[in-house]
Amino acid sequence: MSKKLTVQELIAQKEKLVKKKERTETLYIASMDAEIVIKVPTNALLLEAQGLGQEDATKADIYLVYQCCVEPNLKDPKLQEAFGCVEPMDVVSEIFLPGEVAAIADKIMGLGGFSGGVTVKN
């Protein structure tokens, strides 16, 4: 049986809760036989992605991957130049397969708490 969450419990877990928002995760990309590191998205970032997703879900996925990929740094101007990117976020589509972009974005959303883990009781 679960326990009720109290103010005292939240205060006691403050450090743990803050660190949870700074977490990273390593993902294996099979087509490259290499790993990347992603980070937890901020609330502002998720809202921006949601806005993009209303026009085009693929744009939202690309945006999340671009913003939340820690290693490699997709924002590196040298990387973007090497791939001939006109727009900075174009590098995501140049590097990853379309299905990989969607899968990475899904993992990022999971890090942000959008993978369940909450049960509603009546």
Protein backbone atom coordinates (compact mmCIF):
# COMPACT_ATOMS: atom_id res chain seq x y z
CA MET A 1 0.00 0.00 0.00
CA SER A 2 1.28 3.46 -0.84
CA LYS A 3 1.68 6.29 1.62
CA LYS A 4 0.45 9.85 1.37
CA LEU A 5 2.97 12.41 0.21
CA THR A 6 3.46 15.10 2.85
CA VAL A 7 5.25 18.43 2.98
CA GLN A 8 7.79 16.95 5.39
CA GLU A 9 8.48 14.08 2.99
CA LEU A 10 8.98 16.51 0.09
CA ILE A 11 11.38 18.61 2.15
CA ALA A 12 13.28 15.48 3.16
CA GLN A 13 13.55 14.43 -0.49
CA LYS A 14 14.40 17.90 -1.87
CA GLU A 15 17.95 17.02 -2.92
CA LYS A 16 16.81 13.81 -4.58
CA LEU A 17 14.03 15.63 -6.44
CA VAL A 18 16.40 18.33 -7.71
CA LYS A 19 18.93 15.73 -8.91
CA LYS A 20 16.16 13.85 -10.71
CA LYS A 21 15.70 16.88 -12.97
CA GLU A 22 19.42 16.93 -13.79
CA ARG A 23 19.60 13.24 -14.75
CA THR A 24 21.10 11.97 -17.98
CA GLU A 25 20.74 8.67 -19.75
CA THR A 26 22.93 6.86 -22.25
CA LEU A 27 21.26 5.43 -25.36
CA TYR A 28 22.77 2.96 -27.81
CA ILE A 29 22.22 3.86 -31.48
CA ALA A 30 22.51 0.59 -33.40
CA SER A 31 22.98 2.15 -36.86
CA MET A 32 26.09 3.93 -35.58
CA ASP A 33 27.20 1.25 -33.16
CA ALA A 34 27.72 4.07 -30.65
CA GLU A 35 26.11 5.71 -27.64
CA ILE A 36 24.67 9.17 -27.11
CA VAL A 37 23.78 10.92 -23.86
CA ILE A 38 20.45 12.70 -23.38
CA LYS A 39 19.21 14.87 -20.53
CA VAL A 40 15.88 15.57 -18.83
CA PRO A 41 13.95 18.27 -20.71
CA THR A 42 12.87 21.41 -18.83
CA ASN A 43 9.22 22.35 -18.58
CA ALA A 44 9.81 25.31 -20.90
CA LEU A 45 11.43 23.05 -23.48
CA LEU A 46 8.51 20.62 -23.34
CA LEU A 47 6.04 23.46 -23.85
CA GLU A 48 8.00 24.72 -26.86
CA ALA A 49 8.10 21.21 -28.32
CA GLN A 50 4.38 20.82 -27.71
CA GLY A 51 3.76 24.03 -29.66
CA LEU A 52 5.86 22.75 -32.56
CA GLY A 53 4.08 19.41 -32.39
CA GLN A 54 0.74 21.04 -33.10
CA GLU A 55 2.00 21.86 -36.60
CA ASP A 56 4.22 18.83 -37.13
CA ALA A 57 5.10 16.02 -34.69
CA THR A 58 8.37 15.38 -36.50
CA LYS A 59 9.50 18.97 -35.84
CA ALA A 60 8.78 18.50 -32.15
CA ASP A 61 10.86 15.30 -32.06
CA ILE A 62 13.76 16.96 -33.88
CA TYR A 63 13.60 19.93 -31.51
CA LEU A 64 13.70 17.69 -28.42
CA VAL A 65 16.62 15.66 -29.74
CA TYR A 66 18.54 18.81 -30.72
CA GLN A 67 17.99 20.46 -27.34
CA CYS A 68 18.44 17.41 -25.08
CA CYS A 69 21.34 15.54 -26.68
CA VAL A 70 24.32 16.22 -24.42
CA GLU A 71 26.88 13.99 -26.16
CA PRO A 72 27.56 14.55 -28.95
CA ASN A 73 26.87 18.27 -28.76
CA LEU A 74 24.56 18.73 -31.74
CA LYS A 75 24.81 22.52 -31.31
CA ASP A 76 28.50 22.51 -32.19
CA PRO A 77 28.98 24.85 -35.19
CA LYS A 78 31.78 22.66 -36.57
CA LEU A 79 29.45 19.64 -36.63
CA GLN A 80 26.71 21.62 -38.34
CA GLU A 81 29.16 22.98 -40.89
CA ALA A 82 30.57 19.51 -41.59
CA PHE A 83 27.07 18.28 -42.44
CA GLY A 84 26.22 21.37 -44.51
CA CYS A 85 23.31 22.40 -42.32
CA VAL A 86 21.48 25.58 -43.31
CA GLU A 87 19.45 25.57 -40.08
CA PRO A 88 21.12 24.35 -36.87
CA MET A 89 18.47 21.70 -36.14
CA ASP A 90 18.97 20.15 -39.59
CA VAL A 91 21.91 18.27 -38.08
CA VAL A 92 19.48 15.94 -36.28
CA SER A 93 18.01 14.66 -39.56
CA GLU A 94 21.46 14.44 -41.11
CA ILE A 95 22.81 12.22 -38.32
CA PHE A 96 19.89 10.06 -37.22
CA LEU A 97 17.39 7.93 -39.14
CA PRO A 98 13.75 9.11 -38.87
CA GLY A 99 12.82 6.21 -36.61
CA GLU A 100 15.81 6.90 -34.39
CA VAL A 101 14.74 10.54 -33.98
CA ALA A 102 11.28 9.42 -32.84
CA ALA A 103 12.74 6.79 -30.48
CA ILE A 104 15.22 9.24 -28.95
CA ALA A 105 12.49 11.85 -28.50
CA ASP A 106 10.34 9.19 -26.81
CA LYS A 107 13.18 8.43 -24.38
CA ILE A 108 13.59 12.15 -23.67
CA MET A 109 9.88 12.40 -22.92
CA GLY A 110 10.25 9.41 -20.59
CA LEU A 111 13.03 11.20 -18.72
CA GLY A 112 10.63 14.12 -18.37
CA GLY A 113 8.08 11.90 -16.67
CA PHE A 114 5.86 11.18 -19.67
CA SER A 115 6.15 7.41 -19.48
CA GLY A 116 3.49 6.61 -16.94
CA GLY A 117 4.50 6.07 -13.34
CA VAL A 118 1.40 7.85 -12.07
CA THR A 119 -1.72 5.94 -11.10
CA VAL A 120 -5.02 7.62 -10.33
CA LYS A 121 -7.03 6.16 -7.46
CA ASN A 122 -10.68 6.90 -6.80
